[in-house]
Amino acid sequence: LSECGENAHIMRAILAATLSANYGIYGPVYEFGLNEAH
């Protein structure tokens, strides 16, 4: 997520939502694509 930006956020959300019946996101930073790592 920190290195690959918007494409990574979309792809990982699709995987999480379709591989598992239970999934979640830490919301604002994820949907806004914030990804600056410490």
All heavy atoms as atom14 arrays in JSON, in Angstrom:
{
  "sequence": "LSECGENAHIMRAILAATLSANYGIYGPVYEFGLNEAH",
  "atom14_mask": [
    [1, 1, 1, 1, 1, 1, 1, 1, 0, 0, 0, 0, 0, 0],
    [1, 1, 1, 1, 1, 1, 0, 0, 0, 0, 0, 0, 0, 0],
    [1, 1, 1, 1, 1, 1, 1, 1, 1, 0, 0, 0, 0, 0],
    [1, 1, 1, 1, 1, 1, 0, 0, 0, 0, 0, 0, 0, 0],
    [1, 1, 1, 1, 0, 0, 0, 0, 0, 0, 0, 0, 0, 0],
    [1, 1, 1, 1, 1, 1, 1, 1, 1, 0, 0, 0, 0, 0],
    [1, 1, 1, 1, 1, 1, 1, 1, 0, 0, 0, 0, 0, 0],
    [1, 1, 1, 1, 1, 0, 0, 0, 0, 0, 0, 0, 0, 0],
    [1, 1, 1, 1, 1, 1, 1, 1, 1, 1, 0, 0, 0, 0],
    [1, 1, 1, 1, 1, 1, 1, 1, 0, 0, 0, 0, 0, 0],
    [1, 1, 1, 1, 1, 1, 1, 1, 0, 0, 0, 0, 0, 0],
    [1, 1, 1, 1, 1, 1, 1, 1, 1, 1, 1, 0, 0, 0],
    [1, 1, 1, 1, 1, 0, 0, 0, 0, 0, 0, 0, 0, 0],
    [1, 1, 1, 1, 1, 1, 1, 1, 0, 0, 0, 0, 0, 0],
    [1, 1, 1, 1, 1, 1, 1, 1, 0, 0, 0, 0, 0, 0],
    [1, 1, 1, 1, 1, 0, 0, 0, 0, 0, 0, 0, 0, 0],
    [1, 1, 1, 1, 1, 0, 0, 0, 0, 0, 0, 0, 0, 0],
    [1, 1, 1, 1, 1, 1, 1, 0, 0, 0, 0, 0, 0, 0],
    [1, 1, 1, 1, 1, 1, 1, 1, 0, 0, 0, 0, 0, 0],
    [1, 1, 1, 1, 1, 1, 0, 0, 0, 0, 0, 0, 0, 0],
    [1, 1, 1, 1, 1, 0, 0, 0, 0, 0, 0, 0, 0, 0],
    [1, 1, 1, 1, 1, 1, 1, 1, 0, 0, 0, 0, 0, 0],
    [1, 1, 1, 1, 1, 1, 1, 1, 1, 1, 1, 1, 0, 0],
    [1, 1, 1, 1, 0, 0, 0, 0, 0, 0, 0, 0, 0, 0],
    [1, 1, 1, 1, 1, 1, 1, 1, 0, 0, 0, 0, 0, 0],
    [1, 1, 1, 1, 1, 1, 1, 1, 1, 1, 1, 1, 0, 0],
    [1, 1, 1, 1, 0, 0, 0, 0, 0, 0, 0, 0, 0, 0],
    [1, 1, 1, 1, 1, 1, 1, 0, 0, 0, 0, 0, 0, 0],
    [1, 1, 1, 1, 1, 1, 1, 0, 0, 0, 0, 0, 0, 0],
    [1, 1, 1, 1, 1, 1, 1, 1, 1, 1, 1, 1, 0, 0],
    [1, 1, 1, 1, 1, 1, 1, 1, 1, 0, 0, 0, 0, 0],
    [1, 1, 1, 1, 1, 1, 1, 1, 1, 1, 1, 0, 0, 0],
    [1, 1, 1, 1, 0, 0, 0, 0, 0, 0, 0, 0, 0, 0],
    [1, 1, 1, 1, 1, 1, 1, 1, 0, 0, 0, 0, 0, 0],
    [1, 1, 1, 1, 1, 1, 1, 1, 0, 0, 0, 0, 0, 0],
    [1, 1, 1, 1, 1, 1, 1, 1, 1, 0, 0, 0, 0, 0],
    [1, 1, 1, 1, 1, 0, 0, 0, 0, 0, 0, 0, 0, 0],
    [1, 1, 1, 1, 1, 1, 1, 1, 1, 1, 0, 0, 0, 0]
  ],
  "atom14_positions": [
    [[0.83, -1.2, 0.0], [0.0, 0.0, 0.0], [0.86, 1.25, 0.0], [0.54, 2.24, -0.67], [-0.94, 0.0, 1.21], [-2.0, -1.09, 1.27], [-2.9, -0.87, 2.48], [-2.84, -1.15, 0.0], [0.0, 0.0, 0.0], [0.0, 0.0, 0.0], [0.0, 0.0, 0.0], [0.0, 0.0, 0.0], [0.0, 0.0, 0.0], [0.0, 0.0, 0.0]],
    [[1.95, 1.26, 0.75], [2.78, 2.46, 0.85], [3.57, 2.71, -0.43], [3.9, 3.86, -0.75], [3.73, 2.37, 2.04], [4.64, 1.3, 1.88], [0.0, 0.0, 0.0], [0.0, 0.0, 0.0], [0.0, 0.0, 0.0], [0.0, 0.0, 0.0], [0.0, 0.0, 0.0], [0.0, 0.0, 0.0], [0.0, 0.0, 0.0], [0.0, 0.0, 0.0]],
    [[3.85, 1.66, -1.19], [4.71, 1.81, -2.36], [3.94, 1.87, -3.68], [4.49, 2.35, -4.68], [5.7, 0.64, -2.41], [6.67, 0.62, -1.23], [7.47, -0.67, -1.14], [7.35, -1.49, -2.08], [8.19, -0.85, -0.15], [0.0, 0.0, 0.0], [0.0, 0.0, 0.0], [0.0, 0.0, 0.0], [0.0, 0.0, 0.0], [0.0, 0.0, 0.0]],
    [[2.69, 1.39, -3.7], [2.01, 1.21, -4.98], [0.73, 2.02, -5.15], [0.04, 1.87, -6.16], [1.72, -0.28, -5.21], [3.21, -1.31, -5.15], [0.0, 0.0, 0.0], [0.0, 0.0, 0.0], [0.0, 0.0, 0.0], [0.0, 0.0, 0.0], [0.0, 0.0, 0.0], [0.0, 0.0, 0.0], [0.0, 0.0, 0.0], [0.0, 0.0, 0.0]],
    [[0.35, 2.82, -4.17], [-0.69, 3.8, -4.36], [-2.09, 3.3, -4.62], [-2.51, 2.26, -4.09], [0.0, 0.0, 0.0], [0.0, 0.0, 0.0], [0.0, 0.0, 0.0], [0.0, 0.0, 0.0], [0.0, 0.0, 0.0], [0.0, 0.0, 0.0], [0.0, 0.0, 0.0], [0.0, 0.0, 0.0], [0.0, 0.0, 0.0], [0.0, 0.0, 0.0]],
    [[-2.82, 4.06, -5.46], [-4.25, 3.82, -5.67], [-4.52, 2.43, -6.21], [-5.44, 1.74, -5.74], [-4.81, 4.86, -6.63], [-6.29, 4.7, -6.9], [-6.82, 5.73, -7.89], [-6.64, 5.52, -9.11], [-7.4, 6.74, -7.43], [0.0, 0.0, 0.0], [0.0, 0.0, 0.0], [0.0, 0.0, 0.0], [0.0, 0.0, 0.0], [0.0, 0.0, 0.0]],
    [[-3.73, 1.98, -7.19], [-3.96, 0.65, -7.76], [-3.91, -0.43, -6.69], [-4.7, -1.38, -6.69], [-2.93, 0.35, -8.85], [-3.16, 1.15, -10.11], [-4.12, 1.92, -10.19], [-2.28, 1.0, -11.1], [0.0, 0.0, 0.0], [0.0, 0.0, 0.0], [0.0, 0.0, 0.0], [0.0, 0.0, 0.0], [0.0, 0.0, 0.0], [0.0, 0.0, 0.0]],
    [[-2.94, -0.3, -5.77], [-2.8, -1.29, -4.7], [-4.0, -1.26, -3.78], [-4.51, -2.32, -3.36], [-1.52, -1.05, -3.92], [0.0, 0.0, 0.0], [0.0, 0.0, 0.0], [0.0, 0.0, 0.0], [0.0, 0.0, 0.0], [0.0, 0.0, 0.0], [0.0, 0.0, 0.0], [0.0, 0.0, 0.0], [0.0, 0.0, 0.0], [0.0, 0.0, 0.0]],
    [[-4.47, -0.09, -3.43], [-5.62, 0.02, -2.53], [-6.86, -0.63, -3.15], [-7.63, -1.32, -2.46], [-5.91, 1.49, -2.2], [-4.96, 2.08, -1.21], [-3.65, 2.4, -1.52], [-5.11, 2.43, 0.1], [-3.04, 2.91, -0.46], [-3.91, 2.95, 0.54], [0.0, 0.0, 0.0], [0.0, 0.0, 0.0], [0.0, 0.0, 0.0], [0.0, 0.0, 0.0]],
    [[-7.06, -0.42, -4.44], [-8.23, -1.01, -5.11], [-8.08, -2.52, -5.2], [-9.01, -3.27, -4.88], [-8.4, -0.38, -6.51], [-8.79, 1.09, -6.36], [-9.44, -1.14, -7.32], [-8.78, 1.86, -7.67], [0.0, 0.0, 0.0], [0.0, 0.0, 0.0], [0.0, 0.0, 0.0], [0.0, 0.0, 0.0], [0.0, 0.0, 0.0], [0.0, 0.0, 0.0]],
    [[-6.91, -2.98, -5.63], [-6.71, -4.42, -5.79], [-6.82, -5.17, -4.47], [-7.48, -6.21, -4.38], [-5.35, -4.68, -6.43], [-5.07, -6.15, -6.73], [-4.18, -6.98, -5.39], [-2.51, -6.37, -5.68], [0.0, 0.0, 0.0], [0.0, 0.0, 0.0], [0.0, 0.0, 0.0], [0.0, 0.0, 0.0], [0.0, 0.0, 0.0], [0.0, 0.0, 0.0]],
    [[-6.23, -4.63, -3.41], [-6.27, -5.32, -2.12], [-7.68, -5.32, -1.53], [-8.09, -6.28, -0.87], [-5.28, -4.67, -1.15], [-3.83, -4.83, -1.53], [-3.38, -6.27, -1.56], [-3.31, -6.84, -0.22], [-2.95, -8.1, 0.04], [-2.65, -8.92, -0.96], [-2.91, -8.56, 1.27], [0.0, 0.0, 0.0], [0.0, 0.0, 0.0], [0.0, 0.0, 0.0]],
    [[-8.43, -4.24, -1.75], [-9.82, -4.23, -1.29], [-10.64, -5.28, -2.01], [-11.47, -5.98, -1.39], [-10.43, -2.84, -1.49], [0.0, 0.0, 0.0], [0.0, 0.0, 0.0], [0.0, 0.0, 0.0], [0.0, 0.0, 0.0], [0.0, 0.0, 0.0], [0.0, 0.0, 0.0], [0.0, 0.0, 0.0], [0.0, 0.0, 0.0], [0.0, 0.0, 0.0]],
    [[-10.44, -5.43, -3.32], [-11.17, -6.45, -4.08], [-10.83, -7.84, -3.58], [-11.72, -8.69, -3.38], [-10.87, -6.3, -5.59], [-11.48, -5.0, -6.13], [-11.4, -7.5, -6.37], [-11.06, -4.67, -7.55], [0.0, 0.0, 0.0], [0.0, 0.0, 0.0], [0.0, 0.0, 0.0], [0.0, 0.0, 0.0], [0.0, 0.0, 0.0], [0.0, 0.0, 0.0]],
    [[-9.56, -8.11, -3.34], [-9.17, -9.42, -2.82], [-9.8, -9.68, -1.46], [-10.38, -10.75, -1.21], [-7.65, -9.51, -2.72], [-6.86, -9.69, -4.02], [-5.37, -9.57, -3.75], [-7.18, -11.03, -4.67], [0.0, 0.0, 0.0], [0.0, 0.0, 0.0], [0.0, 0.0, 0.0], [0.0, 0.0, 0.0], [0.0, 0.0, 0.0], [0.0, 0.0, 0.0]],
    [[-9.7, -8.72, -0.55], [-10.25, -8.9, 0.79], [-11.75, -9.14, 0.75], [-12.27, -10.03, 1.44], [-9.94, -7.68, 1.66], [0.0, 0.0, 0.0], [0.0, 0.0, 0.0], [0.0, 0.0, 0.0], [0.0, 0.0, 0.0], [0.0, 0.0, 0.0], [0.0, 0.0, 0.0], [0.0, 0.0, 0.0], [0.0, 0.0, 0.0], [0.0, 0.0, 0.0]],
    [[-12.46, -8.39, -0.08], [-13.92, -8.45, -0.11], [-14.45, -9.68, -0.81], [-15.61, -10.06, -0.58], [-14.46, -7.19, -0.8], [0.0, 0.0, 0.0], [0.0, 0.0, 0.0], [0.0, 0.0, 0.0], [0.0, 0.0, 0.0], [0.0, 0.0, 0.0], [0.0, 0.0, 0.0], [0.0, 0.0, 0.0], [0.0, 0.0, 0.0], [0.0, 0.0, 0.0]],
    [[-13.65, -10.32, -1.66], [-14.14, -11.49, -2.4], [-13.54, -12.81, -1.91], [-14.16, -13.86, -2.07], [-13.85, -11.34, -3.9], [-12.44, -11.18, -4.11], [-14.6, -10.16, -4.48], [0.0, 0.0, 0.0], [0.0, 0.0, 0.0], [0.0, 0.0, 0.0], [0.0, 0.0, 0.0], [0.0, 0.0, 0.0], [0.0, 0.0, 0.0], [0.0, 0.0, 0.0]],
    [[-12.37, -12.76, -1.29], [-11.79, -13.99, -0.73], [-12.45, -14.37, 0.59], [-12.66, -15.54, 0.88], [-10.29, -13.82, -0.53], [-9.41, -13.8, -1.78], [-7.99, -13.38, -1.43], [-9.41, -15.15, -2.48], [0.0, 0.0, 0.0], [0.0, 0.0, 0.0], [0.0, 0.0, 0.0], [0.0, 0.0, 0.0], [0.0, 0.0, 0.0], [0.0, 0.0, 0.0]],
    [[-12.78, -13.37, 1.4], [-13.33, -13.62, 2.73], [-14.71, -12.99, 2.86], [-14.94, -11.87, 2.38], [-12.4, -13.04, 3.81], [-12.97, -13.18, 5.1], [0.0, 0.0, 0.0], [0.0, 0.0, 0.0], [0.0, 0.0, 0.0], [0.0, 0.0, 0.0], [0.0, 0.0, 0.0], [0.0, 0.0, 0.0], [0.0, 0.0, 0.0], [0.0, 0.0, 0.0]],
    [[-15.61, -13.68, 3.53], [-16.94, -13.12, 3.78], [-16.91, -12.02, 4.82], [-17.8, -11.17, 4.88], [-17.91, -14.22, 4.2], [0.0, 0.0, 0.0], [0.0, 0.0, 0.0], [0.0, 0.0, 0.0], [0.0, 0.0, 0.0], [0.0, 0.0, 0.0], [0.0, 0.0, 0.0], [0.0, 0.0, 0.0], [0.0, 0.0, 0.0], [0.0, 0.0, 0.0]],
    [[-15.89, -12.03, 5.67], [-15.69, -10.96, 6.65], [-14.46, -10.16, 6.25], [-13.38, -10.73, 6.05], [-15.46, -11.54, 8.06], [-16.68, -12.28, 8.58], [-17.75, -11.71, 8.71], [-16.51, -13.56, 8.87], [0.0, 0.0, 0.0], [0.0, 0.0, 0.0], [0.0, 0.0, 0.0], [0.0, 0.0, 0.0], [0.0, 0.0, 0.0], [0.0, 0.0, 0.0]],
    [[-14.63, -8.85, 6.1], [-13.45, -8.02, 5.82], [-13.7, -6.62, 6.37], [-14.84, -6.25, 6.67], [-13.13, -7.99, 4.32], [-13.68, -6.82, 3.55], [-12.86, -5.75, 3.2], [-15.02, -6.75, 3.15], [-13.34, -4.66, 2.48], [-15.51, -5.67, 2.42], [-14.67, -4.62, 2.09], [-15.15, -3.55, 1.39], [0.0, 0.0, 0.0], [0.0, 0.0, 0.0]],
    [[-12.61, -5.85, 6.49], [-12.75, -4.5, 6.99], [-11.59, -3.62, 6.55], [-10.55, -4.12, 6.1], [0.0, 0.0, 0.0], [0.0, 0.0, 0.0], [0.0, 0.0, 0.0], [0.0, 0.0, 0.0], [0.0, 0.0, 0.0], [0.0, 0.0, 0.0], [0.0, 0.0, 0.0], [0.0, 0.0, 0.0], [0.0, 0.0, 0.0], [0.0, 0.0, 0.0]],
    [[-11.78, -2.31, 6.67], [-10.72, -1.35, 6.38], [-10.66, -0.32, 7.49], [-11.67, 0.0, 8.11], [-10.92, -0.63, 5.03], [-12.24, 0.15, 5.01], [-10.82, -1.59, 3.87], [-12.39, 1.09, 3.81], [0.0, 0.0, 0.0], [0.0, 0.0, 0.0], [0.0, 0.0, 0.0], [0.0, 0.0, 0.0], [0.0, 0.0, 0.0], [0.0, 0.0, 0.0]],
    [[-9.45, 0.17, 7.76], [-9.27, 1.37, 8.57], [-9.53, 2.51, 7.6], [-8.73, 2.86, 6.76], [-7.87, 1.39, 9.15], [-7.37, 2.72, 9.62], [-8.19, 3.62, 10.29], [-6.04, 3.08, 9.39], [-7.71, 4.85, 10.72], [-5.54, 4.3, 9.82], [-6.39, 5.19, 10.47], [-5.9, 6.4, 10.89], [0.0, 0.0, 0.0], [0.0, 0.0, 0.0]],
    [[-10.73, 3.12, 7.76], [-11.42, 3.8, 6.71], [-10.85, 5.04, 6.07], [-10.43, 4.99, 4.91], [0.0, 0.0, 0.0], [0.0, 0.0, 0.0], [0.0, 0.0, 0.0], [0.0, 0.0, 0.0], [0.0, 0.0, 0.0], [0.0, 0.0, 0.0], [0.0, 0.0, 0.0], [0.0, 0.0, 0.0], [0.0, 0.0, 0.0], [0.0, 0.0, 0.0]],
    [[-10.82, 6.17, 6.74], [-10.49, 7.41, 6.02], [-9.18, 7.32, 5.24], [-9.14, 7.65, 4.06], [-10.43, 8.46, 7.13], [-11.3, 7.92, 8.21], [-11.12, 6.42, 8.14], [0.0, 0.0, 0.0], [0.0, 0.0, 0.0], [0.0, 0.0, 0.0], [0.0, 0.0, 0.0], [0.0, 0.0, 0.0], [0.0, 0.0, 0.0], [0.0, 0.0, 0.0]],
    [[-8.11, 6.86, 5.89], [-6.83, 6.84, 5.19], [-6.86, 5.9, 4.0], [-6.17, 6.12, 3.0], [-5.66, 6.47, 6.14], [-5.56, 7.47, 7.27], [-5.81, 5.06, 6.68], [0.0, 0.0, 0.0], [0.0, 0.0, 0.0], [0.0, 0.0, 0.0], [0.0, 0.0, 0.0], [0.0, 0.0, 0.0], [0.0, 0.0, 0.0], [0.0, 0.0, 0.0]],
    [[-7.66, 4.82, 4.1], [-7.7, 3.85, 3.0], [-8.45, 4.41, 1.8], [-7.95, 4.41, 0.67], [-8.34, 2.54, 3.45], [-7.99, 1.38, 2.54], [-6.89, 0.59, 2.81], [-8.74, 1.09, 1.4], [-6.54, -0.47, 1.98], [-8.4, 0.05, 0.56], [-7.3, -0.73, 0.86], [-6.95, -1.77, 0.02], [0.0, 0.0, 0.0], [0.0, 0.0, 0.0]],
    [[-9.65, 4.91, 2.02], [-10.43, 5.39, 0.88], [-9.85, 6.67, 0.3], [-10.04, 6.96, -0.88], [-11.89, 5.58, 1.26], [-12.15, 6.57, 2.37], [-13.63, 6.75, 2.64], [-14.33, 7.27, 1.76], [-14.07, 6.35, 3.74], [0.0, 0.0, 0.0], [0.0, 0.0, 0.0], [0.0, 0.0, 0.0], [0.0, 0.0, 0.0], [0.0, 0.0, 0.0]],
    [[-9.11, 7.45, 1.1], [-8.45, 8.64, 0.58], [-7.06, 8.34, 0.02], [-6.37, 9.25, -0.46], [-8.36, 9.71, 1.67], [-9.71, 10.19, 2.16], [-9.89, 10.61, 3.46], [-10.81, 10.19, 1.31], [-11.14, 11.05, 3.91], [-12.06, 10.62, 1.75], [-12.23, 11.04, 3.05], [0.0, 0.0, 0.0], [0.0, 0.0, 0.0], [0.0, 0.0, 0.0]],
    [[-6.63, 7.08, 0.11], [-5.37, 6.66, -0.49], [-4.13, 7.2, 0.18], [-3.06, 7.26, -0.43], [0.0, 0.0, 0.0], [0.0, 0.0, 0.0], [0.0, 0.0, 0.0], [0.0, 0.0, 0.0], [0.0, 0.0, 0.0], [0.0, 0.0, 0.0], [0.0, 0.0, 0.0], [0.0, 0.0, 0.0], [0.0, 0.0, 0.0], [0.0, 0.0, 0.0]],
    [[-4.23, 7.59, 1.45], [-3.05, 8.09, 2.17], [-2.11, 6.93, 2.47], [-2.53, 5.89, 2.99], [-3.48, 8.79, 3.46], [-4.47, 9.95, 3.28], [-4.8, 10.57, 4.61], [-3.9, 11.0, 2.33], [0.0, 0.0, 0.0], [0.0, 0.0, 0.0], [0.0, 0.0, 0.0], [0.0, 0.0, 0.0], [0.0, 0.0, 0.0], [0.0, 0.0, 0.0]],
    [[-0.84, 7.09, 2.16], [0.05, 5.94, 2.28], [1.51, 6.32, 2.58], [2.42, 5.6, 2.22], [0.0, 5.11, 0.98], [0.51, 5.86, -0.23], [0.54, 7.08, -0.24], [0.91, 5.14, -1.26], [0.0, 0.0, 0.0], [0.0, 0.0, 0.0], [0.0, 0.0, 0.0], [0.0, 0.0, 0.0], [0.0, 0.0, 0.0], [0.0, 0.0, 0.0]],
    [[1.7, 7.43, 3.28], [3.07, 7.82, 3.65], [3.5, 7.03, 4.88], [2.91, 7.16, 5.96], [3.15, 9.32, 3.93], [4.57, 9.78, 4.24], [4.65, 11.25, 4.59], [3.62, 11.96, 4.43], [5.73, 11.71, 5.04], [0.0, 0.0, 0.0], [0.0, 0.0, 0.0], [0.0, 0.0, 0.0], [0.0, 0.0, 0.0], [0.0, 0.0, 0.0]],
    [[4.51, 6.21, 4.68], [4.98, 5.35, 5.77], [5.95, 6.09, 6.68], [6.7, 6.96, 6.24], [5.65, 4.11, 5.2], [0.0, 0.0, 0.0], [0.0, 0.0, 0.0], [0.0, 0.0, 0.0], [0.0, 0.0, 0.0], [0.0, 0.0, 0.0], [0.0, 0.0, 0.0], [0.0, 0.0, 0.0], [0.0, 0.0, 0.0], [0.0, 0.0, 0.0]],
    [[5.91, 5.72, 7.96], [6.89, 6.25, 8.91], [8.24, 5.64, 8.54], [8.33, 4.44, 8.27], [6.51, 5.87, 10.33], [7.16, 6.71, 11.37], [6.84, 8.03, 11.58], [8.14, 6.42, 12.27], [7.57, 8.52, 12.57], [8.37, 7.57, 12.99], [0.0, 0.0, 0.0], [0.0, 0.0, 0.0], [0.0, 0.0, 0.0], [0.0, 0.0, 0.0]]
  ]
}
